[in-house]
Amino acid sequence: MRTPAPAKETLWRHAILGGLANGIATLQHLGFEATQYWDGHHFKMNGGDGREGIITFAGGHWYEEAPLVGVFHDVHSSRNPFRDPEWSVDRFFHGCPEFQRGLAEQAALTFLRLVTNGRIDHRVTAAFWDRGGRLIGADDWKVLLENGTSLIELELIEDDDAAIEALAEDYGLSGREVRIITSAYKRKLRLPSAPVRFSGAEAKKLGSSPESVGRKCCFPAPLR
């Protein structure tokens, strides 16, 4: 029996939530900066434990309906290209629509590669894309989790409150920080194309200025 495929919409919402939580957390602890953040159309993650991931959203954080593709690498996976003599990047994209495959080649895959003596080696142990509002890959979702996509288990928690609670625990956020993140998250979902702005009162509670908080919680502007 195949493991149910997660909802694309959940991932999109909680990638936004994760970006906000990371921005607030890094006001106090710069070491969190590389954990999860938005870079243009890409949501980048580093577990600090040998797992890395890039999700390229064709519509960025501004448009939920656009296609996406996610590429992950887990150094401990038996599918690690440096451990598997039969490794081929194509195996991870079997059945992938042409658009998402191209999106991976042009974007996500470019971040997870190693150049050795002029040769490009992609570092991939799992990949997925969207279809019919769900996230699927060449393998069952359980297999994908075992090979790198466990990095986004928190982003795939369906309930907002539960996801916020998990983020608070991960980052060690205070109740005050959680309330500000929750408010900013709701504002962002109401108008995804608008920048997230913080009031003077919110910034003061975080021991910062609206400008500083805004820079930390910055969602890059749409490409022109």
Protein backbone atom coordinates (compact mmCIF):
# COMPACT_ATOMS: atom_id res chain seq x y z
CA MET A 1 0.00 0.00 0.00
CA ARG A 2 1.37 3.38 -1.01
CA THR A 3 1.82 6.11 1.61
CA PRO A 4 -0.66 8.99 1.03
CA ALA A 5 0.91 11.86 -0.90
CA PRO A 6 1.10 15.16 1.05
CA ALA A 7 -0.83 18.24 -0.05
CA LYS A 8 1.05 20.84 -2.10
CA GLU A 9 -0.89 23.67 -0.46
CA THR A 10 0.30 22.60 3.00
CA LEU A 11 3.93 22.73 1.89
CA TRP A 12 3.51 26.19 0.32
CA ARG A 13 1.85 27.65 3.43
CA HIS A 14 4.33 26.20 5.86
CA ALA A 15 7.37 27.13 3.78
CA ILE A 16 6.12 30.71 4.26
CA LEU A 17 5.64 30.03 7.97
CA GLY A 18 9.12 28.51 8.25
CA GLY A 19 10.68 31.53 6.57
CA LEU A 20 9.01 33.84 9.08
CA ALA A 21 9.97 31.72 12.09
CA ASN A 22 13.57 31.53 10.90
CA GLY A 23 13.71 35.31 10.45
CA ILE A 24 12.44 35.96 13.99
CA ALA A 25 14.72 33.29 15.48
CA THR A 26 17.83 34.72 13.82
CA LEU A 27 17.26 38.07 15.54
CA GLN A 28 18.61 36.34 18.64
CA HIS A 29 20.67 33.47 17.21
CA LEU A 30 22.50 34.01 13.90
CA GLY A 31 23.35 30.31 13.81
CA PHE A 32 19.80 29.59 12.57
CA GLU A 33 20.23 31.58 9.34
CA ALA A 34 20.95 28.62 7.06
CA THR A 35 18.29 26.37 8.58
CA GLN A 36 15.43 27.40 6.28
CA TYR A 37 14.98 30.55 4.24
CA TRP A 38 13.64 31.94 0.97
CA ASP A 39 16.03 32.86 -1.83
CA GLY A 40 13.99 34.19 -4.74
CA HIS A 41 11.74 31.35 -5.91
CA HIS A 42 13.62 28.82 -3.80
CA PHE A 43 13.02 27.59 -0.27
CA LYS A 44 16.36 26.31 1.00
CA MET A 45 16.93 24.03 3.97
CA ASN A 46 19.89 22.57 5.79
CA GLY A 47 19.31 20.13 8.63
CA GLY A 48 22.88 20.42 9.90
CA ASP A 49 22.95 16.63 9.99
CA GLY A 50 23.88 15.75 6.43
CA ARG A 51 20.46 16.56 4.94
CA GLU A 52 19.94 19.43 2.51
CA GLY A 53 16.97 20.40 0.37
CA ILE A 54 15.84 22.93 -2.21
CA ILE A 55 12.24 23.44 -3.29
CA THR A 56 11.77 25.62 -6.35
CA PHE A 57 8.31 27.18 -6.54
CA ALA A 58 7.66 28.40 -10.09
CA GLY A 59 5.38 31.08 -8.62
CA GLY A 60 7.61 31.78 -5.63
CA HIS A 61 5.84 32.55 -2.37
CA TRP A 62 3.41 34.79 -4.25
CA TYR A 63 1.35 32.20 -6.12
CA GLU A 64 0.32 28.89 -4.59
CA GLU A 65 -1.03 27.31 -7.78
CA ALA A 66 2.23 27.37 -9.75
CA PRO A 67 4.21 24.12 -10.24
CA LEU A 68 7.06 23.17 -7.95
CA VAL A 69 9.90 20.67 -7.70
CA GLY A 70 11.90 19.59 -4.65
CA VAL A 71 15.38 18.05 -4.63
CA PHE A 72 17.04 16.59 -1.53
CA HIS A 73 20.32 15.05 -0.49
CA ASP A 74 20.98 12.91 2.55
CA VAL A 75 24.63 12.01 2.99
CA HIS A 76 23.60 8.92 4.99
CA SER A 77 21.32 7.53 2.27
CA SER A 78 22.30 4.39 0.38
CA ARG A 79 21.30 6.43 -2.69
CA ASN A 80 24.12 8.89 -2.10
CA PRO A 81 25.85 9.23 -5.50
CA PHE A 82 29.21 8.80 -3.78
CA ARG A 83 28.14 5.44 -2.33
CA ASP A 84 25.96 4.00 -5.12
CA PRO A 85 27.87 2.87 -8.24
CA GLU A 86 24.57 2.57 -10.15
CA TRP A 87 23.49 6.12 -9.29
CA SER A 88 21.74 8.18 -11.97
CA VAL A 89 19.91 11.48 -11.52
CA ASP A 90 17.26 10.33 -14.00
CA ARG A 91 16.03 7.60 -11.63
CA PHE A 92 14.68 10.29 -9.28
CA PHE A 93 12.60 11.97 -11.99
CA HIS A 94 10.91 8.96 -13.57
CA GLY A 95 7.38 10.13 -14.49
CA CYS A 96 8.14 13.79 -13.79
CA PRO A 97 6.29 16.26 -16.06
CA GLU A 98 8.50 18.07 -18.56
CA PHE A 99 7.98 21.48 -16.97
CA GLN A 100 9.01 20.41 -13.48
CA ARG A 101 11.94 18.43 -14.87
CA GLY A 102 13.13 21.56 -16.63
CA LEU A 103 12.55 23.56 -13.45
CA ALA A 104 14.82 21.13 -11.61
CA GLU A 105 17.57 21.41 -14.23
CA GLN A 106 17.43 25.21 -14.36
CA ALA A 107 17.03 25.83 -10.65
CA ALA A 108 16.86 23.28 -7.82
CA LEU A 109 19.55 20.92 -9.11
CA THR A 110 22.03 23.76 -9.59
CA PHE A 111 22.20 24.23 -5.81
CA LEU A 112 22.90 20.60 -5.01
CA ARG A 113 25.90 19.80 -7.13
CA LEU A 114 29.59 19.29 -6.69
CA VAL A 115 32.16 20.20 -9.36
CA THR A 116 35.17 17.89 -9.30
CA ASN A 117 37.96 18.34 -11.87
CA GLY A 118 35.50 20.01 -14.21
CA ARG A 119 32.90 17.26 -13.80
CA ILE A 120 29.49 18.12 -12.36
CA ASP A 121 28.09 15.62 -9.87
CA HIS A 122 24.52 16.19 -8.70
CA ARG A 123 23.96 15.40 -5.02
CA VAL A 124 20.46 13.91 -5.07
CA THR A 125 18.91 11.10 -3.03
CA ALA A 126 15.23 12.08 -3.39
CA ALA A 127 13.04 14.35 -5.51
CA PHE A 128 9.36 15.21 -5.82
CA TRP A 129 7.04 17.42 -7.83
CA ASP A 130 3.37 18.38 -7.78
CA ARG A 131 0.47 16.70 -9.54
CA GLY A 132 -3.21 17.30 -8.90
CA GLY A 133 -2.56 19.30 -5.76
CA ARG A 134 -0.37 16.55 -4.27
CA LEU A 135 3.37 15.94 -3.93
CA ILE A 136 4.64 12.83 -5.67
CA GLY A 137 7.92 11.36 -6.83
CA ALA A 138 9.30 8.33 -8.62
CA ASP A 139 8.99 6.39 -5.35
CA ASP A 140 6.45 5.98 -2.59
CA TRP A 141 6.44 8.90 -0.16
CA LYS A 142 7.75 6.63 2.62
CA VAL A 143 10.86 5.94 0.52
CA LEU A 144 11.30 9.65 -0.17
CA LEU A 145 11.15 10.38 3.58
CA GLU A 146 13.83 7.78 4.21
CA ASN A 147 16.13 9.42 1.68
CA GLY A 148 16.06 13.11 2.51
CA THR A 149 12.56 14.58 2.38
CA SER A 150 12.16 13.99 6.13
CA LEU A 151 13.76 17.43 6.23
CA ILE A 152 10.32 18.92 5.49
CA GLU A 153 8.22 16.81 7.86
CA LEU A 154 7.41 19.93 9.87
CA GLU A 155 6.34 21.84 6.73
CA LEU A 156 3.94 18.99 5.93
CA ILE A 157 2.04 19.14 9.22
CA GLU A 158 -1.46 19.96 8.00
CA ASP A 159 -2.73 21.92 11.00
CA ASP A 160 -1.35 25.47 11.31
CA ASP A 161 -1.39 25.50 15.11
CA ALA A 162 0.47 22.20 15.29
CA ALA A 163 3.05 23.42 12.77
CA ILE A 164 3.58 26.64 14.73
CA GLU A 165 3.96 24.66 17.94
CA ALA A 166 6.57 22.40 16.31
CA LEU A 167 8.50 25.41 14.99
CA ALA A 168 8.41 27.05 18.41
CA GLU A 169 9.93 23.94 19.94
CA ASP A 170 12.55 23.61 17.19
CA TYR A 171 13.70 27.22 17.49
CA GLY A 172 13.05 27.68 21.20
CA LEU A 173 10.68 30.57 20.52
CA SER A 174 9.00 32.51 23.30
CA GLY A 175 5.25 32.96 23.51
CA ARG A 176 5.70 36.59 22.45
CA GLU A 177 7.68 35.56 19.36
CA VAL A 178 5.09 32.93 18.48
CA ARG A 179 2.27 35.47 18.62
CA ILE A 180 4.13 37.87 16.32
CA ILE A 181 5.01 35.11 13.85
CA THR A 182 1.39 33.90 13.83
CA SER A 183 0.09 37.41 13.13
CA ALA A 184 2.65 38.00 10.35
CA TYR A 185 1.84 34.59 8.83
CA LYS A 186 -1.87 35.39 8.66
CA ARG A 187 -1.12 38.76 7.05
CA LYS A 188 1.11 37.12 4.46
CA LEU A 189 -1.47 34.49 3.53
CA ARG A 190 -4.15 37.14 3.09
CA LEU A 191 -1.99 38.91 0.50
CA PRO A 192 0.97 36.72 -0.56
CA SER A 193 2.28 39.24 -3.10
CA ALA A 194 2.72 41.96 -0.47
CA PRO A 195 5.85 42.36 1.68
CA VAL A 196 5.51 41.45 5.34
CA ARG A 197 5.65 44.60 7.45
CA PHE A 198 6.04 44.78 11.23
CA SER A 199 4.69 47.51 13.47
CA GLY A 200 6.83 49.48 15.89
CA ALA A 201 5.08 47.71 18.76
CA GLU A 202 5.89 44.26 17.33
CA ALA A 203 9.52 45.21 16.72
CA LYS A 204 9.86 46.61 20.24
CA LYS A 205 8.62 43.33 21.70
CA LEU A 206 11.37 41.61 19.73
CA GLY A 207 13.99 44.07 20.95
CA SER A 208 14.54 45.43 17.47
CA SER A 209 13.31 47.97 14.89
CA PRO A 210 10.65 47.43 12.19
CA GLU A 211 13.37 47.75 9.54
CA SER A 212 15.62 45.14 11.16
CA VAL A 213 12.78 42.68 11.66
CA GLY A 214 11.62 43.27 8.10
CA ARG A 215 15.10 42.48 6.75
CA LYS A 216 15.30 39.26 8.73
CA CYS A 217 11.83 38.18 7.64
CA CYS A 218 12.34 39.30 4.07
CA PHE A 219 10.58 37.44 1.27
CA PRO A 220 12.44 38.30 -1.95
CA ALA A 221 10.47 40.36 -4.43
CA PRO A 222 9.07 38.73 -7.61
CA LEU A 223 11.53 38.50 -10.47
CA ARG A 224 10.96 41.03 -13.24
